[in-house]
Amino acid sequence: CDADQPKEECATAITSYLDALSSGSLQPASDPAAAAAITSYLDTISGVPPSAPLSGSSSKAVTSYLGALASGEVAPPPSEAVGSYLDALSSGSVATPSSGGAITSYLDALSTGSTATSGAGMASYADAISADCDADQPKEECATAITSYLDALSSGSLQPASDPAAAAAITSYLDTISGVPPSAPLSGSSSKAVTSYLGALASGEVAPPPSEAVGSYLDALSSGSVATPSSVGAITSYLDGLTPGSVATSAPGSSAGSSSLDALQEQPNSSSSECSAPASGGSYLDNL
């Protein structure tokens, strides 16, 4: 993983390490230098200067994500998803991860088996959310940006896998305003709830909320009157209460009139890596 080398090689090396953690054959503590190498690479390609404070680094996000993989809380991503994430960080279309959830949101969207669409405006939603959803900016602007993205998912003009950086940006913002520290375990992040909710919108299982409802939800998270969402139901129950006539549209496999609070089961696809473990005497750090 050198900034001057092809990212495909780095993606393969990182994926091999992630697979080892997920299988239980390795623990993060047994090779801490590997986590440091990944952090250094992510910071470098995303433009974090060496003199930046720890809060601007991906260090805590990487540590949290690796721990979630080792515990089985998240499934290992395919090499293609890791490569796409590295490209997104390098191009600036996704920000340096500030939490484990920000990493998971992006990788999960690319690991669901959805086919990404193409188009000139594909990155505009992530760009708008990243620009308008800042803790120091008025929440109305962020609510408008998020609502625009949710409407695109609901209309079928976009799929979550088409713009995974948008899910990562939403997760990062919700975690920030609800007080989730960057070092928090993935279970404390909004990552899985956001991923499930976006999937439910895209499938037609829930109706898109108006901008006012989204704004109210952001205010509630920021004030602490609503906890960081841990499930899709935590998001839909609040938004549905503020959305008149929010009966879920019928979706394949769902009964007419079913509530948007119905449990949604996520079964992310795991992918076996083509890369093998390091040769005798070597280490995952050597590959990285």
C-alpha atoms as a PDB file:
ATOM      1  CA  CYS A   1       0.000   0.000   0.000  1.00  0.00           C
ATOM      2  CA  ASP A   2       2.038   2.818  -1.403  1.00  0.00           C
ATOM      3  CA  ALA A   3       0.427   5.970  -2.757  1.00  0.00           C
ATOM      4  CA  ASP A   4       2.487   5.561  -5.926  1.00  0.00           C
ATOM      5  CA  GLN A   5       1.404   1.961  -6.547  1.00  0.00           C
ATOM      6  CA  PRO A   6      -1.822   0.705  -8.197  1.00  0.00           C
ATOM      7  CA  LYS A   7      -4.651   0.631  -5.670  1.00  0.00           C
ATOM      8  CA  GLU A   8      -5.715  -2.845  -6.838  1.00  0.00           C
ATOM      9  CA  GLU A   9      -2.613  -4.334  -5.214  1.00  0.00           C
ATOM     10  CA  CYS A  10      -3.303  -2.548  -1.935  1.00  0.00           C
ATOM     11  CA  ALA A  11      -6.977  -3.597  -2.022  1.00  0.00           C
ATOM     12  CA  THR A  12      -5.912  -7.229  -2.392  1.00  0.00           C
ATOM     13  CA  ALA A  13      -3.470  -7.006   0.524  1.00  0.00           C
ATOM     14  CA  ILE A  14      -5.998  -5.282   2.789  1.00  0.00           C
ATOM     15  CA  THR A  15      -8.773  -7.731   1.853  1.00  0.00           C
ATOM     16  CA  SER A  16      -6.533 -10.675   2.738  1.00  0.00           C
ATOM     17  CA  TYR A  17      -5.966  -9.170   6.179  1.00  0.00           C
ATOM     18  CA  LEU A  18      -9.673  -8.434   6.688  1.00  0.00           C
ATOM     19  CA  ASP A  19     -10.566 -12.022   5.729  1.00  0.00           C
ATOM     20  CA  ALA A  20      -8.083 -13.320   8.305  1.00  0.00           C
ATOM     21  CA  LEU A  21      -9.686 -11.181  11.010  1.00  0.00           C
ATOM     22  CA  SER A  22     -13.188 -12.238  10.014  1.00  0.00           C
ATOM     23  CA  SER A  23     -12.310 -15.953   9.988  1.00  0.00           C
ATOM     24  CA  GLY A  24     -10.877 -15.760  13.493  1.00  0.00           C
ATOM     25  CA  SER A  25      -7.406 -16.857  12.422  1.00  0.00           C
ATOM     26  CA  LEU A  26      -6.039 -13.474  13.477  1.00  0.00           C
ATOM     27  CA  GLN A  27      -6.886 -10.794  16.016  1.00  0.00           C
ATOM     28  CA  PRO A  28      -6.138  -7.069  15.604  1.00  0.00           C
ATOM     29  CA  ALA A  29      -3.920  -7.126  18.704  1.00  0.00           C
ATOM     30  CA  SER A  30      -1.704  -9.840  17.216  1.00  0.00           C
ATOM     31  CA  ASP A  31      -0.552  -7.579  14.372  1.00  0.00           C
ATOM     32  CA  PRO A  32      -1.103  -3.950  15.438  1.00  0.00           C
ATOM     33  CA  ALA A  33       1.356  -2.712  12.825  1.00  0.00           C
ATOM     34  CA  ALA A  34      -1.115  -3.803  10.121  1.00  0.00           C
ATOM     35  CA  ALA A  35      -3.774  -1.441  11.479  1.00  0.00           C
ATOM     36  CA  ALA A  36      -1.189   1.331  11.624  1.00  0.00           C
ATOM     37  CA  ALA A  37      -0.220   0.664   7.998  1.00  0.00           C
ATOM     38  CA  ILE A  38      -3.849   0.806   6.842  1.00  0.00           C
ATOM     39  CA  THR A  39      -4.447   4.022   8.790  1.00  0.00           C
ATOM     40  CA  SER A  40      -1.339   5.626   7.334  1.00  0.00           C
ATOM     41  CA  TYR A  41      -2.385   4.705   3.801  1.00  0.00           C
ATOM     42  CA  LEU A  42      -5.980   5.946   4.183  1.00  0.00           C
ATOM     43  CA  ASP A  43      -4.760   9.216   5.672  1.00  0.00           C
ATOM     44  CA  THR A  44      -2.233   9.680   2.870  1.00  0.00           C
ATOM     45  CA  ILE A  45      -4.599   9.104  -0.053  1.00  0.00           C
ATOM     46  CA  SER A  46      -7.365  11.184   1.526  1.00  0.00           C
ATOM     47  CA  GLY A  47      -5.027  14.138   2.038  1.00  0.00           C
ATOM     48  CA  VAL A  48      -4.629  14.145   5.815  1.00  0.00           C
ATOM     49  CA  PRO A  49      -1.323  15.922   6.565  1.00  0.00           C
ATOM     50  CA  PRO A  50       1.117  14.108   8.890  1.00  0.00           C
ATOM     51  CA  SER A  51       0.896  17.013  11.336  1.00  0.00           C
ATOM     52  CA  ALA A  52      -2.905  16.772  11.609  1.00  0.00           C
ATOM     53  CA  PRO A  53      -4.398  16.074  15.068  1.00  0.00           C
ATOM     54  CA  LEU A  54      -5.611  12.546  15.793  1.00  0.00           C
ATOM     55  CA  SER A  55      -9.219  13.708  15.409  1.00  0.00           C
ATOM     56  CA  GLY A  56      -8.555  14.311  11.705  1.00  0.00           C
ATOM     57  CA  SER A  57      -7.035  10.884  11.154  1.00  0.00           C
ATOM     58  CA  SER A  58      -8.739   7.614  10.235  1.00  0.00           C
ATOM     59  CA  SER A  59      -7.000   5.874  13.147  1.00  0.00           C
ATOM     60  CA  LYS A  60      -9.973   5.434  15.482  1.00  0.00           C
ATOM     61  CA  ALA A  61     -12.300   4.532  12.615  1.00  0.00           C
ATOM     62  CA  VAL A  62      -9.920   1.832  11.367  1.00  0.00           C
ATOM     63  CA  THR A  63      -9.443   0.408  14.864  1.00  0.00           C
ATOM     64  CA  SER A  64     -13.219   0.277  15.416  1.00  0.00           C
ATOM     65  CA  TYR A  65     -13.863  -1.341  12.036  1.00  0.00           C
ATOM     66  CA  LEU A  66     -11.180  -4.012  12.475  1.00  0.00           C
ATOM     67  CA  GLY A  67     -12.584  -4.854  15.902  1.00  0.00           C
ATOM     68  CA  ALA A  68     -16.071  -5.229  14.427  1.00  0.00           C
ATOM     69  CA  LEU A  69     -14.729  -7.593  11.766  1.00  0.00           C
ATOM     70  CA  ALA A  70     -12.874  -9.713  14.316  1.00  0.00           C
ATOM     71  CA  SER A  71     -15.973  -9.967  16.531  1.00  0.00           C
ATOM     72  CA  GLY A  72     -18.195 -10.984  13.624  1.00  0.00           C
ATOM     73  CA  GLU A  73     -20.294  -7.838  13.883  1.00  0.00           C
ATOM     74  CA  VAL A  74     -19.712  -7.069  10.211  1.00  0.00           C
ATOM     75  CA  ALA A  75     -18.971  -9.296   7.223  1.00  0.00           C
ATOM     76  CA  PRO A  76     -15.712  -9.001   5.296  1.00  0.00           C
ATOM     77  CA  PRO A  77     -16.021  -6.977   2.086  1.00  0.00           C
ATOM     78  CA  PRO A  78     -14.931  -8.228  -1.347  1.00  0.00           C
ATOM     79  CA  SER A  79     -11.704  -6.874  -2.784  1.00  0.00           C
ATOM     80  CA  GLU A  80     -13.666  -4.882  -5.377  1.00  0.00           C
ATOM     81  CA  ALA A  81     -15.492  -2.956  -2.638  1.00  0.00           C
ATOM     82  CA  VAL A  82     -12.222  -2.192  -0.843  1.00  0.00           C
ATOM     83  CA  GLY A  83     -10.726  -0.976  -4.112  1.00  0.00           C
ATOM     84  CA  SER A  84     -13.724   1.268  -4.773  1.00  0.00           C
ATOM     85  CA  TYR A  85     -13.417   2.732  -1.276  1.00  0.00           C
ATOM     86  CA  LEU A  86      -9.734   3.499  -1.788  1.00  0.00           C
ATOM     87  CA  ASP A  87     -10.559   5.198  -5.104  1.00  0.00           C
ATOM     88  CA  ALA A  88     -13.300   7.265  -3.435  1.00  0.00           C
ATOM     89  CA  LEU A  89     -10.962   8.383  -0.659  1.00  0.00           C
ATOM     90  CA  SER A  90      -8.272   9.268  -3.162  1.00  0.00           C
ATOM     91  CA  SER A  91     -10.622  11.282  -5.382  1.00  0.00           C
ATOM     92  CA  GLY A  92     -12.152  13.126  -2.442  1.00  0.00           C
ATOM     93  CA  SER A  93     -15.692  11.898  -3.137  1.00  0.00           C
ATOM     94  CA  VAL A  94     -15.753  10.428   0.367  1.00  0.00           C
ATOM     95  CA  ALA A  95     -14.168  12.019   3.426  1.00  0.00           C
ATOM     96  CA  THR A  96     -11.517  10.511   5.691  1.00  0.00           C
ATOM     97  CA  PRO A  97     -13.550   8.149   7.918  1.00  0.00           C
ATOM     98  CA  SER A  98     -14.235   9.494  11.390  1.00  0.00           C
ATOM     99  CA  SER A  99     -15.954   6.350  12.683  1.00  0.00           C
ATOM    100  CA  GLY A 100     -16.109   2.641  12.002  1.00  0.00           C
ATOM    101  CA  GLY A 101     -19.666   3.169  10.809  1.00  0.00           C
ATOM    102  CA  ALA A 102     -18.519   5.483   8.030  1.00  0.00           C
ATOM    103  CA  ILE A 103     -16.348   2.699   6.621  1.00  0.00           C
ATOM    104  CA  THR A 104     -19.038   0.056   7.005  1.00  0.00           C
ATOM    105  CA  SER A 105     -21.749   2.154   5.325  1.00  0.00           C
ATOM    106  CA  TYR A 106     -19.676   2.504   2.159  1.00  0.00           C
ATOM    107  CA  LEU A 107     -18.487  -1.107   1.999  1.00  0.00           C
ATOM    108  CA  ASP A 108     -21.899  -2.566   2.862  1.00  0.00           C
ATOM    109  CA  ALA A 109     -23.549  -0.648   0.036  1.00  0.00           C
ATOM    110  CA  LEU A 110     -21.139  -2.246  -2.422  1.00  0.00           C
ATOM    111  CA  SER A 111     -21.418  -5.706  -0.902  1.00  0.00           C
ATOM    112  CA  THR A 112     -25.203  -6.111  -1.149  1.00  0.00           C
ATOM    113  CA  GLY A 113     -25.163  -7.396  -4.697  1.00  0.00           C
ATOM    114  CA  SER A 114     -26.941  -4.343  -6.125  1.00  0.00           C
ATOM    115  CA  THR A 115     -25.822  -3.222  -9.551  1.00  0.00           C
ATOM    116  CA  ALA A 116     -24.425   0.268  -9.613  1.00  0.00           C
ATOM    117  CA  THR A 117     -25.849   2.613 -12.182  1.00  0.00           C
ATOM    118  CA  SER A 118     -23.799   5.134 -14.032  1.00  0.00           C
ATOM    119  CA  GLY A 119     -24.362   8.752 -14.851  1.00  0.00           C
ATOM    120  CA  ALA A 120     -22.839  12.189 -14.680  1.00  0.00           C
ATOM    121  CA  GLY A 121     -24.811  13.155 -11.579  1.00  0.00           C
ATOM    122  CA  MET A 122     -23.996   9.988  -9.678  1.00  0.00           C
ATOM    123  CA  ALA A 123     -21.633  11.641  -7.200  1.00  0.00           C
ATOM    124  CA  SER A 124     -23.713  14.804  -6.724  1.00  0.00           C
ATOM    125  CA  TYR A 125     -25.772  13.470  -3.803  1.00  0.00           C
ATOM    126  CA  ALA A 126     -22.704  12.495  -1.781  1.00  0.00           C
ATOM    127  CA  ASP A 127     -21.081  15.826  -2.621  1.00  0.00           C
ATOM    128  CA  ALA A 128     -24.170  17.778  -1.564  1.00  0.00           C
ATOM    129  CA  ILE A 129     -24.565  15.840   1.685  1.00  0.00           C
ATOM    130  CA  SER A 130     -20.868  16.184   2.542  1.00  0.00           C
ATOM    131  CA  ALA A 131     -20.982  19.926   1.830  1.00  0.00           C
ATOM    132  CA  ASP A 132     -24.276  20.737   3.583  1.00  0.00           C
ATOM    133  CA  CYS A 133     -24.192  18.258   6.457  1.00  0.00           C
ATOM    134  CA  ASP A 134     -21.641  19.895   8.698  1.00  0.00           C
ATOM    135  CA  ALA A 135     -22.151  20.138  12.433  1.00  0.00           C
ATOM    136  CA  ASP A 136     -21.479  23.870  12.221  1.00  0.00           C
ATOM    137  CA  GLN A 137     -24.000  24.484   9.416  1.00  0.00           C
ATOM    138  CA  PRO A 138     -27.783  25.021   9.729  1.00  0.00           C
ATOM    139  CA  LYS A 139     -29.565  21.667   9.818  1.00  0.00           C
ATOM    140  CA  GLU A 140     -32.137  22.877   7.295  1.00  0.00           C
ATOM    141  CA  GLU A 141     -29.510  22.725   4.544  1.00  0.00           C
ATOM    142  CA  CYS A 142     -28.514  19.206   5.536  1.00  0.00           C
ATOM    143  CA  ALA A 143     -32.154  18.082   5.708  1.00  0.00           C
ATOM    144  CA  THR A 144     -32.703  19.347   2.164  1.00  0.00           C
ATOM    145  CA  ALA A 145     -29.635  17.512   0.838  1.00  0.00           C
ATOM    146  CA  ILE A 146     -30.564  14.251   2.569  1.00  0.00           C
ATOM    147  CA  THR A 147     -34.204  14.466   1.464  1.00  0.00           C
ATOM    148  CA  SER A 148     -33.147  14.932  -2.152  1.00  0.00           C
ATOM    149  CA  TYR A 149     -31.109  11.741  -1.934  1.00  0.00           C
ATOM    150  CA  LEU A 150     -33.922   9.816  -0.230  1.00  0.00           C
ATOM    151  CA  ASP A 151     -36.363  10.908  -2.951  1.00  0.00           C
ATOM    152  CA  ALA A 152     -33.968   9.657  -5.631  1.00  0.00           C
ATOM    153  CA  LEU A 153     -33.775   6.254  -3.925  1.00  0.00           C
ATOM    154  CA  SER A 154     -37.527   6.043  -3.492  1.00  0.00           C
ATOM    155  CA  SER A 155     -38.224   6.957  -7.133  1.00  0.00           C
ATOM    156  CA  GLY A 156     -35.938   4.201  -8.370  1.00  0.00           C
ATOM    157  CA  SER A 157     -33.613   6.596 -10.184  1.00  0.00           C
ATOM    158  CA  LEU A 158     -30.788   5.604  -7.853  1.00  0.00           C
ATOM    159  CA  GLN A 159     -29.717   2.562  -5.839  1.00  0.00           C
ATOM    160  CA  PRO A 160     -27.702   2.720  -2.587  1.00  0.00           C
ATOM    161  CA  ALA A 161     -24.815   0.884  -4.260  1.00  0.00           C
ATOM    162  CA  SER A 162     -24.644   3.584  -6.937  1.00  0.00           C
ATOM    163  CA  ASP A 163     -23.439   6.202  -4.471  1.00  0.00           C
ATOM    164  CA  PRO A 164     -22.153   4.497  -1.303  1.00  0.00           C
ATOM    165  CA  ALA A 165     -20.361   7.674  -0.281  1.00  0.00           C
ATOM    166  CA  ALA A 166     -23.768   9.244   0.393  1.00  0.00           C
ATOM    167  CA  ALA A 167     -24.620   6.549   2.967  1.00  0.00           C
ATOM    168  CA  ALA A 168     -21.214   7.033   4.576  1.00  0.00           C
ATOM    169  CA  ALA A 169     -21.741  10.804   4.741  1.00  0.00           C
ATOM    170  CA  ILE A 170     -25.177  10.421   6.346  1.00  0.00           C
ATOM    171  CA  THR A 171     -23.839   7.920   8.888  1.00  0.00           C
ATOM    172  CA  SER A 172     -20.920  10.160   9.785  1.00  0.00           C
ATOM    173  CA  TYR A 173     -23.233  13.155  10.268  1.00  0.00           C
ATOM    174  CA  LEU A 174     -25.800  11.302  12.397  1.00  0.00           C
ATOM    175  CA  ASP A 175     -23.030   9.864  14.568  1.00  0.00           C
ATOM    176  CA  THR A 176     -21.463  13.307  15.000  1.00  0.00           C
ATOM    177  CA  ILE A 177     -24.591  15.229  15.991  1.00  0.00           C
ATOM    178  CA  SER A 178     -25.786  12.448  18.300  1.00  0.00           C
ATOM    179  CA  GLY A 179     -22.465  12.385  20.145  1.00  0.00           C
ATOM    180  CA  VAL A 180     -21.030   9.041  19.035  1.00  0.00           C
ATOM    181  CA  PRO A 181     -17.258   9.232  19.637  1.00  0.00           C
ATOM    182  CA  PRO A 182     -15.000   8.156  16.745  1.00  0.00           C
ATOM    183  CA  SER A 183     -13.568   5.365  18.899  1.00  0.00           C
ATOM    184  CA  ALA A 184     -16.993   3.894  19.702  1.00  0.00           C
ATOM    185  CA  PRO A 185     -17.633   0.276  18.661  1.00  0.00           C
ATOM    186  CA  LEU A 186     -19.651  -0.231  15.503  1.00  0.00           C
ATOM    187  CA  SER A 187     -22.664  -1.284  17.573  1.00  0.00           C
ATOM    188  CA  GLY A 188     -22.862   2.296  18.843  1.00  0.00           C
ATOM    189  CA  SER A 189     -22.910   3.778  15.341  1.00  0.00           C
ATOM    190  CA  SER A 190     -25.908   4.496  13.118  1.00  0.00           C
ATOM    191  CA  SER A 191     -24.262   2.589  10.247  1.00  0.00           C
ATOM    192  CA  LYS A 192     -26.483  -0.500  10.115  1.00  0.00           C
ATOM    193  CA  ALA A 193     -29.657   1.498  10.708  1.00  0.00           C
ATOM    194  CA  VAL A 194     -28.824   3.902   7.880  1.00  0.00           C
ATOM    195  CA  THR A 195     -27.893   1.093   5.468  1.00  0.00           C
ATOM    196  CA  SER A 196     -31.133  -0.785   6.219  1.00  0.00           C
ATOM    197  CA  TYR A 197     -33.269   2.347   5.922  1.00  0.00           C
ATOM    198  CA  LEU A 198     -31.794   3.323   2.547  1.00  0.00           C
ATOM    199  CA  GLY A 199     -32.362  -0.207   1.285  1.00  0.00           C
ATOM    200  CA  ALA A 200     -35.972  -0.113   2.468  1.00  0.00           C
ATOM    201  CA  LEU A 201     -36.540   3.174   0.641  1.00  0.00           C
ATOM    202  CA  ALA A 202     -35.000   1.838  -2.574  1.00  0.00           C
ATOM    203  CA  SER A 203     -37.159  -1.299  -2.430  1.00  0.00           C
ATOM    204  CA  GLY A 204     -40.355   0.685  -1.834  1.00  0.00           C
ATOM    205  CA  GLU A 205     -40.896  -0.825   1.591  1.00  0.00           C
ATOM    206  CA  VAL A 206     -41.050   2.617   3.208  1.00  0.00           C
ATOM    207  CA  ALA A 207     -42.189   5.971   1.834  1.00  0.00           C
ATOM    208  CA  PRO A 208     -39.811   8.935   1.542  1.00  0.00           C
ATOM    209  CA  PRO A 209     -40.209  11.526   4.321  1.00  0.00           C
ATOM    210  CA  PRO A 210     -40.655  15.267   3.709  1.00  0.00           C
ATOM    211  CA  SER A 211     -37.721  17.576   4.372  1.00  0.00           C
ATOM    212  CA  GLU A 212     -39.440  18.961   7.482  1.00  0.00           C
ATOM    213  CA  ALA A 213     -39.555  15.491   9.059  1.00  0.00           C
ATOM    214  CA  VAL A 214     -35.884  14.894   8.282  1.00  0.00           C
ATOM    215  CA  GLY A 215     -35.004  18.265   9.796  1.00  0.00           C
ATOM    216  CA  SER A 216     -36.976  17.473  12.930  1.00  0.00           C
ATOM    217  CA  TYR A 217     -35.193  14.142  13.244  1.00  0.00           C
ATOM    218  CA  LEU A 218     -31.790  15.826  12.964  1.00  0.00           C
ATOM    219  CA  ASP A 219     -32.796  18.333  15.657  1.00  0.00           C
ATOM    220  CA  ALA A 220     -33.956  15.499  17.919  1.00  0.00           C
ATOM    221  CA  LEU A 221     -30.683  13.624  17.481  1.00  0.00           C
ATOM    222  CA  SER A 222     -28.664  16.765  18.142  1.00  0.00           C
ATOM    223  CA  SER A 223     -30.587  17.645  21.303  1.00  0.00           C
ATOM    224  CA  GLY A 224     -30.389  14.112  22.657  1.00  0.00           C
ATOM    225  CA  SER A 225     -34.163  13.633  22.793  1.00  0.00           C
ATOM    226  CA  VAL A 226     -33.707  10.730  20.369  1.00  0.00           C
ATOM    227  CA  ALA A 227     -30.883   8.214  20.645  1.00  0.00           C
ATOM    228  CA  THR A 228     -28.470   7.278  17.863  1.00  0.00           C
ATOM    229  CA  PRO A 229     -30.498   4.835  15.727  1.00  0.00           C
ATOM    230  CA  SER A 230     -29.505   1.196  16.090  1.00  0.00           C
ATOM    231  CA  SER A 231     -32.130  -0.236  13.741  1.00  0.00           C
ATOM    232  CA  VAL A 232     -34.230   0.759  10.748  1.00  0.00           C
ATOM    233  CA  GLY A 233     -37.299   0.857  12.988  1.00  0.00           C
ATOM    234  CA  ALA A 234     -35.735   3.587  15.121  1.00  0.00           C
ATOM    235  CA  ILE A 235     -35.557   5.832  12.056  1.00  0.00           C
ATOM    236  CA  THR A 236     -38.888   4.966  10.460  1.00  0.00           C
ATOM    237  CA  SER A 237     -40.878   5.171  13.696  1.00  0.00           C
ATOM    238  CA  TYR A 238     -39.819   8.792  14.158  1.00  0.00           C
ATOM    239  CA  LEU A 239     -40.155   9.868  10.530  1.00  0.00           C
ATOM    240  CA  ASP A 240     -43.478   8.069  10.020  1.00  0.00           C
ATOM    241  CA  GLY A 241     -44.919   9.904  12.992  1.00  0.00           C
ATOM    242  CA  LEU A 242     -44.203  13.200  11.239  1.00  0.00           C
ATOM    243  CA  THR A 243     -45.189  12.076   7.738  1.00  0.00           C
ATOM    244  CA  PRO A 244     -48.956  12.172   7.025  1.00  0.00           C
ATOM    245  CA  GLY A 245     -50.197   9.119   5.136  1.00  0.00           C
ATOM    246  CA  SER A 246     -46.841   7.380   5.296  1.00  0.00           C
ATOM    247  CA  VAL A 247     -48.123   3.910   4.467  1.00  0.00           C
ATOM    248  CA  ALA A 248     -45.423   1.834   2.879  1.00  0.00           C
ATOM    249  CA  THR A 249     -45.866   1.168  -0.789  1.00  0.00           C
ATOM    250  CA  SER A 250     -46.171  -2.439  -1.759  1.00  0.00           C
ATOM    251  CA  ALA A 251     -42.910  -4.137  -2.551  1.00  0.00           C
ATOM    252  CA  PRO A 252     -42.086  -7.576  -3.908  1.00  0.00           C
ATOM    253  CA  GLY A 253     -42.717 -10.096  -1.183  1.00  0.00           C
ATOM    254  CA  SER A 254     -44.558  -7.682   1.095  1.00  0.00           C
ATOM    255  CA  SER A 255     -48.253  -7.627   1.887  1.00  0.00           C
ATOM    256  CA  ALA A 256     -50.346  -4.596   1.029  1.00  0.00           C
ATOM    257  CA  GLY A 257     -50.554  -2.063   3.821  1.00  0.00           C
ATOM    258  CA  SER A 258     -47.636  -3.509   5.731  1.00  0.00           C
ATOM    259  CA  SER A 259     -46.072  -1.080   8.164  1.00  0.00           C
ATOM    260  CA  SER A 260     -42.721   0.518   7.538  1.00  0.00           C
ATOM    261  CA  LEU A 261     -41.842  -0.577  11.063  1.00  0.00           C
ATOM    262  CA  ASP A 262     -41.716  -4.207  10.026  1.00  0.00           C
ATOM    263  CA  ALA A 263     -38.355  -5.723  10.807  1.00  0.00           C
ATOM    264  CA  LEU A 264     -35.955  -5.670   7.905  1.00  0.00           C
ATOM    265  CA  GLN A 265     -33.399  -8.398   7.805  1.00  0.00           C
ATOM    266  CA  GLU A 266     -29.979  -7.568   6.440  1.00  0.00           C
ATOM    267  CA  GLN A 267     -27.911 -10.388   5.064  1.00  0.00           C
ATOM    268  CA  PRO A 268     -24.825  -8.797   3.546  1.00  0.00           C
ATOM    269  CA  ASN A 269     -22.997 -11.018   1.141  1.00  0.00           C
ATOM    270  CA  SER A 270     -19.552 -12.004   2.192  1.00  0.00           C
ATOM    271  CA  SER A 271     -17.020 -12.749  -0.438  1.00  0.00           C
ATOM    272  CA  SER A 272     -14.077 -15.026  -0.209  1.00  0.00           C
ATOM    273  CA  SER A 273     -10.820 -13.433  -1.204  1.00  0.00           C
ATOM    274  CA  GLU A 274      -8.723 -14.835  -3.947  1.00  0.00           C
ATOM    275  CA  CYS A 275      -5.594 -13.912  -2.084  1.00  0.00           C
ATOM    276  CA  SER A 276      -3.929 -16.412   0.156  1.00  0.00           C
ATOM    277  CA  ALA A 277      -2.367 -15.963   3.563  1.00  0.00           C
ATOM    278  CA  PRO A 278       1.199 -14.676   3.733  1.00  0.00           C
ATOM    279  CA  ALA A 279       3.935 -17.177   2.984  1.00  0.00           C
ATOM    280  CA  SER A 280       5.728 -18.786   5.886  1.00  0.00           C
ATOM    281  CA  GLY A 281       7.846 -16.243   7.694  1.00  0.00           C
ATOM    282  CA  GLY A 282       5.868 -13.334   6.316  1.00  0.00           C
ATOM    283  CA  SER A 283       3.059 -11.279   7.799  1.00  0.00           C
ATOM    284  CA  TYR A 284       0.026  -9.349   6.701  1.00  0.00           C
ATOM    285  CA  LEU A 285       1.987  -6.199   7.534  1.00  0.00           C
ATOM    286  CA  ASP A 286       4.585  -7.183   4.927  1.00  0.00           C
ATOM    287  CA  ASN A 287       1.869  -7.349   2.283  1.00  0.00           C
ATOM    288  CA  LEU A 288       0.471  -3.984   3.310  1.00  0.00           C
END
